[in-house]
Amino acid sequence: VAVTGSSGLVGRALCAFLSTGGHRVLRLVRRPAEAGEVRWD
């Protein structure tokens, strides 16, 4: 699952919830990407 807005209140909680369930989470971010992230502008 890719998630935009992953640094916001809802996005942070959703990413943590999905990860603990064993799902793979890909965060779309607007800063330089780190592991598990993809940059988008």
Full PDB file with SEQRES, HELIX, SHEET, SSBOND, CRYST1, ORIGX, SCALE, CONECT and MASTER records, all heavy atoms in Angstrom:
SEQRES   1 A   41  VAL ALA VAL THR GLY SER SER GLY LEU VAL GLY ARG ALA          
SEQRES   2 A   41  LEU CYS ALA PHE LEU SER THR GLY GLY HIS ARG VAL LEU          
SEQRES   3 A   41  ARG LEU VAL ARG ARG PRO ALA GLU ALA GLY GLU VAL ARG          
SEQRES   4 A   41  TRP ASP                                                      
HELIX    1 AA1 LEU A    9  THR A   20  1                                  12    
SHEET    1 AA1 3 ALA A   2  THR A   4  0                                        
SHEET    2 AA1 3 LEU A  26  VAL A  29  1                                        
SHEET    3 AA1 3 GLU A  37  ARG A  39  1                                        
CRYST1    1.000    1.000    1.000  90.00  90.00  90.00 P 1           1          
ORIGX1      1.000000  0.000000  0.000000        0.00000                         
ORIGX2      0.000000  1.000000  0.000000        0.00000                         
ORIGX3      0.000000  0.000000  1.000000        0.00000                         
SCALE1      1.000000  0.000000  0.000000        0.00000                         
SCALE2      0.000000  1.000000  0.000000        0.00000                         
SCALE3      0.000000  0.000000  1.000000        0.00000                         
ATOM      1  N   VAL A   1       0.844  -1.198   0.000  1.00  0.00           N  
ATOM      2  CA  VAL A   1       0.000   0.000   0.000  1.00  0.00           C  
ATOM      3  C   VAL A   1       0.876   1.244   0.000  1.00  0.00           C  
ATOM      4  O   VAL A   1       1.769   1.384   0.846  1.00  0.00           O  
ATOM      5  CB  VAL A   1      -0.930   0.025   1.237  1.00  0.00           C  
ATOM      6  CG1 VAL A   1      -1.864   1.229   1.170  1.00  0.00           C  
ATOM      7  CG2 VAL A   1      -1.721  -1.266   1.348  1.00  0.00           C  
ATOM      8  N   ALA A   2       0.638   2.150  -0.940  1.00  0.00           N  
ATOM      9  CA  ALA A   2       1.284   3.462  -0.927  1.00  0.00           C  
ATOM     10  C   ALA A   2       0.374   4.445  -0.211  1.00  0.00           C  
ATOM     11  O   ALA A   2      -0.850   4.394  -0.361  1.00  0.00           O  
ATOM     12  CB  ALA A   2       1.565   3.942  -2.347  1.00  0.00           C  
ATOM     13  N   VAL A   3       0.960   5.345   0.574  1.00  0.00           N  
ATOM     14  CA  VAL A   3       0.194   6.314   1.361  1.00  0.00           C  
ATOM     15  C   VAL A   3       0.757   7.705   1.116  1.00  0.00           C  
ATOM     16  O   VAL A   3       1.947   7.953   1.346  1.00  0.00           O  
ATOM     17  CB  VAL A   3       0.235   5.988   2.868  1.00  0.00           C  
ATOM     18  CG1 VAL A   3      -0.565   7.022   3.658  1.00  0.00           C  
ATOM     19  CG2 VAL A   3      -0.301   4.584   3.128  1.00  0.00           C  
ATOM     20  N   THR A   4      -0.086   8.625   0.627  1.00  0.00           N  
ATOM     21  CA  THR A   4       0.292  10.030   0.586  1.00  0.00           C  
ATOM     22  C   THR A   4      -0.183  10.698   1.873  1.00  0.00           C  
ATOM     23  O   THR A   4      -1.099  10.207   2.537  1.00  0.00           O  
ATOM     24  CB  THR A   4      -0.324  10.763  -0.615  1.00  0.00           C  
ATOM     25  OG1 THR A   4      -1.723  10.999  -0.374  1.00  0.00           O  
ATOM     26  CG2 THR A   4      -0.169   9.958  -1.895  1.00  0.00           C  
ATOM     27  N   GLY A   5       0.428  11.819   2.227  1.00  0.00           N  
ATOM     28  CA  GLY A   5       0.077  12.457   3.497  1.00  0.00           C  
ATOM     29  C   GLY A   5       0.521  11.623   4.673  1.00  0.00           C  
ATOM     30  O   GLY A   5      -0.068  11.706   5.762  1.00  0.00           O  
ATOM     31  N   SER A   6       1.591  10.843   4.505  1.00  0.00           N  
ATOM     32  CA  SER A   6       2.007   9.892   5.536  1.00  0.00           C  
ATOM     33  C   SER A   6       2.608  10.560   6.763  1.00  0.00           C  
ATOM     34  O   SER A   6       2.763   9.906   7.801  1.00  0.00           O  
ATOM     35  CB  SER A   6       3.019   8.899   4.951  1.00  0.00           C  
ATOM     36  OG  SER A   6       4.150   9.577   4.434  1.00  0.00           O  
ATOM     37  N   SER A   7       2.957  11.838   6.672  1.00  0.00           N  
ATOM     38  CA  SER A   7       3.513  12.532   7.842  1.00  0.00           C  
ATOM     39  C   SER A   7       2.448  13.242   8.661  1.00  0.00           C  
ATOM     40  O   SER A   7       2.734  13.804   9.711  1.00  0.00           O  
ATOM     41  CB  SER A   7       4.576  13.545   7.406  1.00  0.00           C  
ATOM     42  OG  SER A   7       3.999  14.541   6.578  1.00  0.00           O  
ATOM     43  N   GLY A   8       1.212  13.227   8.192  1.00  0.00           N  
ATOM     44  CA  GLY A   8       0.129  13.875   8.923  1.00  0.00           C  
ATOM     45  C   GLY A   8      -0.416  13.005  10.033  1.00  0.00           C  
ATOM     46  O   GLY A   8      -0.023  11.843  10.205  1.00  0.00           O  
ATOM     47  N   LEU A   9      -1.351  13.555  10.798  1.00  0.00           N  
ATOM     48  CA  LEU A   9      -1.941  12.845  11.929  1.00  0.00           C  
ATOM     49  C   LEU A   9      -2.532  11.508  11.509  1.00  0.00           C  
ATOM     50  O   LEU A   9      -2.245  10.464  12.119  1.00  0.00           O  
ATOM     51  CB  LEU A   9      -3.027  13.720  12.574  1.00  0.00           C  
ATOM     52  CG  LEU A   9      -3.826  13.092  13.707  1.00  0.00           C  
ATOM     53  CD1 LEU A   9      -2.948  12.890  14.936  1.00  0.00           C  
ATOM     54  CD2 LEU A   9      -5.039  13.965  14.054  1.00  0.00           C  
ATOM     55  N   VAL A  10      -3.359  11.495  10.475  1.00  0.00           N  
ATOM     56  CA  VAL A  10      -4.008  10.264  10.021  1.00  0.00           C  
ATOM     57  C   VAL A  10      -3.004   9.358   9.335  1.00  0.00           C  
ATOM     58  O   VAL A  10      -2.980   8.143   9.561  1.00  0.00           O  
ATOM     59  CB  VAL A  10      -5.183  10.593   9.083  1.00  0.00           C  
ATOM     60  CG1 VAL A  10      -5.854   9.307   8.602  1.00  0.00           C  
ATOM     61  CG2 VAL A  10      -6.206  11.482   9.795  1.00  0.00           C  
ATOM     62  N   GLY A  11      -2.143   9.937   8.488  1.00  0.00           N  
ATOM     63  CA  GLY A  11      -1.183   9.130   7.748  1.00  0.00           C  
ATOM     64  C   GLY A  11      -0.212   8.383   8.650  1.00  0.00           C  
ATOM     65  O   GLY A  11       0.088   7.204   8.411  1.00  0.00           O  
ATOM     66  N   ARG A  12       0.295   9.048   9.692  1.00  0.00           N  
ATOM     67  CA  ARG A  12       1.216   8.379  10.613  1.00  0.00           C  
ATOM     68  C   ARG A  12       0.545   7.188  11.287  1.00  0.00           C  
ATOM     69  O   ARG A  12       1.132   6.106  11.402  1.00  0.00           O  
ATOM     70  CB  ARG A  12       1.724   9.359  11.681  1.00  0.00           C  
ATOM     71  CG  ARG A  12       2.628  10.439  11.164  1.00  0.00           C  
ATOM     72  CD  ARG A  12       3.360  11.138  12.306  1.00  0.00           C  
ATOM     73  NE  ARG A  12       2.482  11.601  13.368  1.00  0.00           N  
ATOM     74  CZ  ARG A  12       1.892  12.781  13.405  1.00  0.00           C  
ATOM     75  NH1 ARG A  12       2.074  13.649  12.406  1.00  0.00           N  
ATOM     76  NH2 ARG A  12       1.114  13.131  14.424  1.00  0.00           N  
ATOM     77  N   ALA A  13      -0.678   7.401  11.759  1.00  0.00           N  
ATOM     78  CA  ALA A  13      -1.393   6.328  12.456  1.00  0.00           C  
ATOM     79  C   ALA A  13      -1.715   5.180  11.505  1.00  0.00           C  
ATOM     80  O   ALA A  13      -1.589   4.004  11.864  1.00  0.00           O  
ATOM     81  CB  ALA A  13      -2.672   6.876  13.076  1.00  0.00           C  
ATOM     82  N   LEU A  14      -2.124   5.498  10.278  1.00  0.00           N  
ATOM     83  CA  LEU A  14      -2.464   4.451   9.314  1.00  0.00           C  
ATOM     84  C   LEU A  14      -1.235   3.632   8.934  1.00  0.00           C  
ATOM     85  O   LEU A  14      -1.301   2.399   8.875  1.00  0.00           O  
ATOM     86  CB  LEU A  14      -3.092   5.070   8.068  1.00  0.00           C  
ATOM     87  CG  LEU A  14      -3.437   4.074   6.956  1.00  0.00           C  
ATOM     88  CD1 LEU A  14      -4.526   3.106   7.417  1.00  0.00           C  
ATOM     89  CD2 LEU A  14      -3.866   4.804   5.682  1.00  0.00           C  
ATOM     90  N   CYS A  15      -0.111   4.290   8.675  1.00  0.00           N  
ATOM     91  CA  CYS A  15       1.105   3.564   8.295  1.00  0.00           C  
ATOM     92  C   CYS A  15       1.552   2.617   9.404  1.00  0.00           C  
ATOM     93  O   CYS A  15       1.935   1.466   9.140  1.00  0.00           O  
ATOM     94  CB  CYS A  15       2.219   4.552   7.953  1.00  0.00           C  
ATOM     95  SG  CYS A  15       1.958   5.450   6.395  1.00  0.00           S  
ATOM     96  N   ALA A  16       1.507   3.077  10.649  1.00  0.00           N  
ATOM     97  CA  ALA A  16       1.891   2.212  11.768  1.00  0.00           C  
ATOM     98  C   ALA A  16       0.934   1.036  11.896  1.00  0.00           C  
ATOM     99  O   ALA A  16       1.351  -0.110  12.112  1.00  0.00           O  
ATOM    100  CB  ALA A  16       1.929   3.018  13.061  1.00  0.00           C  
ATOM    101  N   PHE A  17      -0.361   1.294  11.745  1.00  0.00           N  
ATOM    102  CA  PHE A  17      -1.355   0.231  11.851  1.00  0.00           C  
ATOM    103  C   PHE A  17      -1.150  -0.818  10.760  1.00  0.00           C  
ATOM    104  O   PHE A  17      -1.170  -2.028  11.031  1.00  0.00           O  
ATOM    105  CB  PHE A  17      -2.762   0.827  11.738  1.00  0.00           C  
ATOM    106  CG  PHE A  17      -3.860  -0.188  11.691  1.00  0.00           C  
ATOM    107  CD1 PHE A  17      -4.383  -0.725  12.846  1.00  0.00           C  
ATOM    108  CD2 PHE A  17      -4.360  -0.635  10.465  1.00  0.00           C  
ATOM    109  CE1 PHE A  17      -5.389  -1.679  12.804  1.00  0.00           C  
ATOM    110  CE2 PHE A  17      -5.359  -1.586  10.411  1.00  0.00           C  
ATOM    111  CZ  PHE A  17      -5.876  -2.108  11.575  1.00  0.00           C  
ATOM    112  N   LEU A  18      -0.956  -0.392   9.529  1.00  0.00           N  
ATOM    113  CA  LEU A  18      -0.774  -1.340   8.434  1.00  0.00           C  
ATOM    114  C   LEU A  18       0.509  -2.147   8.610  1.00  0.00           C  
ATOM    115  O   LEU A  18       0.535  -3.355   8.349  1.00  0.00           O  
ATOM    116  CB  LEU A  18      -0.748  -0.601   7.099  1.00  0.00           C  
ATOM    117  CG  LEU A  18      -2.072   0.045   6.653  1.00  0.00           C  
ATOM    118  CD1 LEU A  18      -1.862   0.843   5.368  1.00  0.00           C  
ATOM    119  CD2 LEU A  18      -3.158  -1.004   6.468  1.00  0.00           C  
ATOM    120  N   SER A  19       1.573  -1.493   9.066  1.00  0.00           N  
ATOM    121  CA  SER A  19       2.850  -2.189   9.249  1.00  0.00           C  
ATOM    122  C   SER A  19       2.736  -3.282  10.304  1.00  0.00           C  
ATOM    123  O   SER A  19       3.261  -4.388  10.129  1.00  0.00           O  
ATOM    124  CB  SER A  19       3.944  -1.199   9.637  1.00  0.00           C  
ATOM    125  OG  SER A  19       4.196  -0.281   8.588  1.00  0.00           O  
ATOM    126  N   THR A  20       2.056  -3.003  11.416  1.00  0.00           N  
ATOM    127  CA  THR A  20       1.916  -4.030  12.456  1.00  0.00           C  
ATOM    128  C   THR A  20       1.056  -5.189  11.988  1.00  0.00           C  
ATOM    129  O   THR A  20       1.139  -6.293  12.542  1.00  0.00           O  
ATOM    130  CB  THR A  20       1.307  -3.442  13.744  1.00  0.00           C  
ATOM    131  OG1 THR A  20       0.071  -2.801  13.435  1.00  0.00           O  
ATOM    132  CG2 THR A  20       2.259  -2.457  14.397  1.00  0.00           C  
ATOM    133  N   GLY A  21       0.224  -4.964  10.966  1.00  0.00           N  
ATOM    134  CA  GLY A  21      -0.575  -6.043  10.398  1.00  0.00           C  
ATOM    135  C   GLY A  21       0.159  -6.857   9.358  1.00  0.00           C  
ATOM    136  O   GLY A  21      -0.417  -7.769   8.764  1.00  0.00           O  
ATOM    137  N   GLY A  22       1.434  -6.523   9.115  1.00  0.00           N  
ATOM    138  CA  GLY A  22       2.223  -7.282   8.166  1.00  0.00           C  
ATOM    139  C   GLY A  22       2.127  -6.803   6.739  1.00  0.00           C  
ATOM    140  O   GLY A  22       2.665  -7.447   5.820  1.00  0.00           O  
ATOM    141  N   HIS A  23       1.476  -5.661   6.517  1.00  0.00           N  
ATOM    142  CA  HIS A  23       1.379  -5.105   5.168  1.00  0.00           C  
ATOM    143  C   HIS A  23       2.639  -4.294   4.840  1.00  0.00           C  
ATOM    144  O   HIS A  23       3.278  -3.719   5.732  1.00  0.00           O  
ATOM    145  CB  HIS A  23       0.141  -4.220   5.042  1.00  0.00           C  
ATOM    146  CG  HIS A  23      -1.133  -4.922   5.390  1.00  0.00           C  
ATOM    147  ND1 HIS A  23      -1.693  -5.884   4.577  1.00  0.00           N  
ATOM    148  CD2 HIS A  23      -1.954  -4.819   6.475  1.00  0.00           C  
ATOM    149  CE1 HIS A  23      -2.806  -6.339   5.138  1.00  0.00           C  
ATOM    150  NE2 HIS A  23      -2.981  -5.717   6.293  1.00  0.00           N  
ATOM    151  N   ARG A  24       2.982  -4.227   3.563  1.00  0.00           N  
ATOM    152  CA  ARG A  24       4.114  -3.415   3.116  1.00  0.00           C  
ATOM    153  C   ARG A  24       3.606  -2.007   2.838  1.00  0.00           C  
ATOM    154  O   ARG A  24       2.653  -1.820   2.081  1.00  0.00           O  
ATOM    155  CB  ARG A  24       4.737  -4.008   1.854  1.00  0.00           C  
ATOM    156  CG  ARG A  24       5.811  -3.130   1.222  1.00  0.00           C  
ATOM    157  CD  ARG A  24       6.426  -3.787  -0.004  1.00  0.00           C  
ATOM    158  NE  ARG A  24       7.282  -2.851  -0.718  1.00  0.00           N  
ATOM    159  CZ  ARG A  24       6.917  -2.191  -1.814  1.00  0.00           C  
ATOM    160  NH1 ARG A  24       5.692  -2.353  -2.308  1.00  0.00           N  
ATOM    161  NH2 ARG A  24       7.760  -1.368  -2.411  1.00  0.00           N  
ATOM    162  N   VAL A  25       4.251  -1.026   3.448  1.00  0.00           N  
ATOM    163  CA  VAL A  25       3.815   0.364   3.315  1.00  0.00           C  
ATOM    164  C   VAL A  25       4.895   1.156   2.584  1.00  0.00           C  
ATOM    165  O   VAL A  25       6.074   1.109   2.948  1.00  0.00           O  
ATOM    166  CB  VAL A  25       3.543   1.003   4.693  1.00  0.00           C  
ATOM    167  CG1 VAL A  25       3.180   2.476   4.538  1.00  0.00           C  
ATOM    168  CG2 VAL A  25       2.419   0.248   5.401  1.00  0.00           C  
ATOM    169  N   LEU A  26       4.476   1.877   1.559  1.00  0.00           N  
ATOM    170  CA  LEU A  26       5.354   2.762   0.807  1.00  0.00           C  
ATOM    171  C   LEU A  26       4.844   4.190   1.007  1.00  0.00           C  
ATOM    172  O   LEU A  26       3.714   4.506   0.626  1.00  0.00           O  
ATOM    173  CB  LEU A  26       5.328   2.396  -0.675  1.00  0.00           C  
ATOM    174  CG  LEU A  26       6.274   3.147  -1.601  1.00  0.00           C  
ATOM    175  CD1 LEU A  26       7.729   2.783  -1.291  1.00  0.00           C  
ATOM    176  CD2 LEU A  26       5.956   2.842  -3.062  1.00  0.00           C  
ATOM    177  N   ARG A  27       5.656   5.031   1.624  1.00  0.00           N  
ATOM    178  CA  ARG A  27       5.232   6.402   1.907  1.00  0.00           C  
ATOM    179  C   ARG A  27       5.632   7.325   0.764  1.00  0.00           C  
ATOM    180  O   ARG A  27       6.793   7.331   0.348  1.00  0.00           O  
ATOM    181  CB  ARG A  27       5.875   6.879   3.219  1.00  0.00           C  
ATOM    182  CG  ARG A  27       5.422   6.108   4.450  1.00  0.00           C  
ATOM    183  CD  ARG A  27       6.321   6.396   5.646  1.00  0.00           C  
ATOM    184  NE  ARG A  27       5.837   5.776   6.862  1.00  0.00           N  
ATOM    185  CZ  ARG A  27       6.063   4.509   7.198  1.00  0.00           C  
ATOM    186  NH1 ARG A  27       6.777   3.734   6.399  1.00  0.00           N  
ATOM    187  NH2 ARG A  27       5.586   4.011   8.327  1.00  0.00           N  
ATOM    188  N   LEU A  28       4.685   8.116   0.267  1.00  0.00           N  
ATOM    189  CA  LEU A  28       4.979   9.143  -0.720  1.00  0.00           C  
ATOM    190  C   LEU A  28       5.240  10.445   0.014  1.00  0.00           C  
ATOM    191  O   LEU A  28       4.376  10.923   0.763  1.00  0.00           O  
ATOM    192  CB  LEU A  28       3.816   9.307  -1.706  1.00  0.00           C  
ATOM    193  CG  LEU A  28       3.872   8.402  -2.951  1.00  0.00           C  
ATOM    194  CD1 LEU A  28       3.783   6.940  -2.562  1.00  0.00           C  
ATOM    195  CD2 LEU A  28       2.767   8.765  -3.926  1.00  0.00           C  
ATOM    196  N   VAL A  29       6.435  11.012  -0.174  1.00  0.00           N  
ATOM    197  CA  VAL A  29       6.857  12.185   0.592  1.00  0.00           C  
ATOM    198  C   VAL A  29       7.334  13.261  -0.369  1.00  0.00           C  
ATOM    199  O   VAL A  29       7.740  12.980  -1.504  1.00  0.00           O  
ATOM    200  CB  VAL A  29       7.980  11.823   1.593  1.00  0.00           C  
ATOM    201  CG1 VAL A  29       7.498  10.786   2.593  1.00  0.00           C  
ATOM    202  CG2 VAL A  29       9.225  11.312   0.863  1.00  0.00           C  
ATOM    203  N   ARG A  30       7.334  14.508   0.098  1.00  0.00           N  
ATOM    204  CA  ARG A  30       7.770  15.620  -0.745  1.00  0.00           C  
ATOM    205  C   ARG A  30       9.188  16.089  -0.427  1.00  0.00           C  
ATOM    206  O   ARG A  30       9.679  16.999  -1.059  1.00  0.00           O  
ATOM    207  CB  ARG A  30       6.779  16.779  -0.626  1.00  0.00           C  
ATOM    208  CG  ARG A  30       5.486  16.501  -1.379  1.00  0.00           C  
ATOM    209  CD  ARG A  30       4.483  17.603  -1.230  1.00  0.00           C  
ATOM    210  NE  ARG A  30       3.882  17.602   0.107  1.00  0.00           N  
ATOM    211  CZ  ARG A  30       2.934  18.450   0.478  1.00  0.00           C  
ATOM    212  NH1 ARG A  30       2.488  19.369  -0.360  1.00  0.00           N  
ATOM    213  NH2 ARG A  30       2.425  18.378   1.695  1.00  0.00           N  
ATOM    214  N   ARG A  31       9.829  15.452   0.547  1.00  0.00           N  
ATOM    215  CA  ARG A  31      11.244  15.716   0.850  1.00  0.00           C  
ATOM    216  C   ARG A  31      12.073  14.603   0.227  1.00  0.00           C  
ATOM    217  O   ARG A  31      11.518  13.667  -0.364  1.00  0.00           O  
ATOM    218  CB  ARG A  31      11.435  15.750   2.363  1.00  0.00           C  
ATOM    219  CG  ARG A  31      10.869  14.530   3.051  1.00  0.00           C  
ATOM    220  CD  ARG A  31      11.225  14.436   4.498  1.00  0.00           C  
ATOM    221  NE  ARG A  31      10.504  13.359   5.154  1.00  0.00           N  
ATOM    222  CZ  ARG A  31      10.745  12.063   5.002  1.00  0.00           C  
ATOM    223  NH1 ARG A  31      11.710  11.663   4.176  1.00  0.00           N  
ATOM    224  NH2 ARG A  31      10.039  11.145   5.642  1.00  0.00           N  
ATOM    225  N   PRO A  32      13.415  14.683   0.306  1.00  0.00           N  
ATOM    226  CA  PRO A  32      14.225  13.582  -0.206  1.00  0.00           C  
ATOM    227  C   PRO A  32      13.833  12.250   0.430  1.00  0.00           C  
ATOM    228  O   PRO A  32      13.676  12.147   1.640  1.00  0.00           O  
ATOM    229  CB  PRO A  32      15.652  13.991   0.186  1.00  0.00           C  
ATOM    230  CG  PRO A  32      15.605  15.485   0.219  1.00  0.00           C  
ATOM    231  CD  PRO A  32      14.238  15.832   0.736  1.00  0.00           C  
ATOM    232  N   ALA A  33      13.640  11.236  -0.402  1.00  0.00           N  
ATOM    233  CA  ALA A  33      13.121   9.951   0.066  1.00  0.00           C  
ATOM    234  C   ALA A  33      14.181   9.146   0.813  1.00  0.00           C  
ATOM    235  O   ALA A  33      15.365   9.186   0.475  1.00  0.00           O  
ATOM    236  CB  ALA A  33      12.601   9.139  -1.111  1.00  0.00           C  
ATOM    237  N   GLU A  34      13.734   8.430   1.849  1.00  0.00           N  
ATOM    238  CA  GLU A  34      14.561   7.482   2.574  1.00  0.00           C  
ATOM    239  C   GLU A  34      14.049   6.075   2.292  1.00  0.00           C  
ATOM    240  O   GLU A  34      13.220   5.868   1.402  1.00  0.00           O  
ATOM    241  CB  GLU A  34      14.525   7.810   4.074  1.00  0.00           C  
ATOM    242  CG  GLU A  34      15.030   9.211   4.404  1.00  0.00           C  
ATOM    243  CD  GLU A  34      14.903   9.557   5.879  1.00  0.00           C  
ATOM    244  OE1 GLU A  34      14.407   8.701   6.647  1.00  0.00           O  
ATOM    245  OE2 GLU A  34      15.290  10.677   6.251  1.00  0.00           O  
ATOM    246  N   ALA A  35      14.543   5.096   3.031  1.00  0.00           N  
ATOM    247  CA  ALA A  35      14.100   3.714   2.835  1.00  0.00           C  
ATOM    248  C   ALA A  35      12.591   3.619   3.051  1.00  0.00           C  
ATOM    249  O   ALA A  35      12.050   4.181   4.003  1.00  0.00           O  
ATOM    250  CB  ALA A  35      14.833   2.786   3.799  1.00  0.00           C  
ATOM    251  N   GLY A  36      11.897   2.900   2.162  1.00  0.00           N  
ATOM    252  CA  GLY A  36      10.455   2.734   2.272  1.00  0.00           C  
ATOM    253  C   GLY A  36       9.659   3.941   1.819  1.00  0.00           C  
ATOM    254  O   GLY A  36       8.462   4.026   2.103  1.00  0.00           O  
ATOM    255  N   GLU A  37      10.308   4.856   1.096  1.00  0.00           N  
ATOM    256  CA  GLU A  37       9.653   6.085   0.657  1.00  0.00           C  
ATOM    257  C   GLU A  37       9.879   6.321  -0.828  1.00  0.00           C  
ATOM    258  O   GLU A  37      10.855   5.832  -1.414  1.00  0.00           O  
ATOM    259  CB  GLU A  37      10.174   7.286   1.450  1.00  0.00           C  
ATOM    260  CG  GLU A  37       9.920   7.208   2.949  1.00  0.00           C  
ATOM    261  CD  GLU A  37      10.521   8.389   3.702  1.00  0.00           C  
ATOM    262  OE1 GLU A  37      11.387   9.094   3.139  1.00  0.00           O  
ATOM    263  OE2 GLU A  37      10.131   8.586   4.867  1.00  0.00           O  
ATOM    264  N   VAL A  38       8.996   7.092  -1.422  1.00  0.00           N  
ATOM    265  CA  VAL A  38       9.135   7.572  -2.793  1.00  0.00           C  
ATOM    266  C   VAL A  38       8.846   9.065  -2.787  1.00  0.00           C  
ATOM    267  O   VAL A  38       7.852   9.508  -2.188  1.00  0.00           O  
ATOM    268  CB  VAL A  38       8.151   6.848  -3.745  1.00  0.00           C  
ATOM    269  CG1 VAL A  38       8.149   7.508  -5.127  1.00  0.00           C  
ATOM    270  CG2 VAL A  38       8.507   5.381  -3.869  1.00  0.00           C  
ATOM    271  N   ARG A  39       9.706   9.832  -3.405  1.00  0.00           N  
ATOM    272  CA  ARG A  39       9.489  11.273  -3.462  1.00  0.00           C  
ATOM    273  C   ARG A  39       8.506  11.600  -4.577  1.00  0.00           C  
ATOM    274  O   ARG A  39       8.577  11.042  -5.671  1.00  0.00           O  
ATOM    275  CB  ARG A  39      10.806  12.019  -3.691  1.00  0.00           C  
ATOM    276  CG  ARG A  39      10.643  13.532  -3.605  1.00  0.00           C  
ATOM    277  CD  ARG A  39      11.958  14.262  -3.799  1.00  0.00           C  
ATOM    278  NE  ARG A  39      11.776  15.695  -3.649  1.00  0.00           N  
ATOM    279  CZ  ARG A  39      11.362  16.511  -4.622  1.00  0.00           C  
ATOM    280  NH1 ARG A  39      11.104  16.011  -5.826  1.00  0.00           N  
ATOM    281  NH2 ARG A  39      11.208  17.800  -4.401  1.00  0.00           N  
ATOM    282  N   TRP A  40       7.581  12.507  -4.258  1.00  0.00           N  
ATOM    283  CA  TRP A  40       6.720  13.047  -5.299  1.00  0.00           C  
ATOM    284  C   TRP A  40       6.537  14.537  -5.061  1.00  0.00           C  
ATOM    285  O   TRP A  40       6.627  15.014  -3.929  1.00  0.00           O  
ATOM    286  CB  TRP A  40       5.382  12.300  -5.354  1.00  0.00           C  
ATOM    287  CG  TRP A  40       4.374  12.666  -4.283  1.00  0.00           C  
ATOM    288  CD1 TRP A  40       4.596  12.827  -2.950  1.00  0.00           C  
ATOM    289  CD2 TRP A  40       2.975  12.905  -4.495  1.00  0.00           C  
ATOM    290  NE1 TRP A  40       3.429  13.140  -2.297  1.00  0.00           N  
ATOM    291  CE2 TRP A  40       2.417  13.198  -3.218  1.00  0.00           C  
ATOM    292  CE3 TRP A  40       2.143  12.884  -5.611  1.00  0.00           C  
ATOM    293  CZ2 TRP A  40       1.063  13.475  -3.057  1.00  0.00           C  
ATOM    294  CZ3 TRP A  40       0.790  13.160  -5.439  1.00  0.00           C  
ATOM    295  CH2 TRP A  40       0.263  13.450  -4.175  1.00  0.00           C  
ATOM    296  N   ASP A  41       6.332  15.270  -6.119  1.00  0.00           N  
ATOM    297  CA  ASP A  41       6.099  16.709  -6.036  1.00  0.00           C  
ATOM    298  C   ASP A  41       4.941  17.038  -6.962  1.00  0.00           C  
ATOM    299  O   ASP A  41       5.137  17.331  -8.146  1.00  0.00           O  
ATOM    300  CB  ASP A  41       7.358  17.477  -6.440  1.00  0.00           C  
ATOM    301  CG  ASP A  41       7.225  18.977  -6.176  1.00  0.00           C  
ATOM    302  OD1 ASP A  41       6.079  19.466  -6.063  1.00  0.00           O  
ATOM    303  OD2 ASP A  41       8.268  19.655  -6.082  1.00  0.00           O  
TER     304      ASP A  41                                                      
MASTER        0    0    0    1    3    0    0    6  303    1    0    4          
END                                                                             
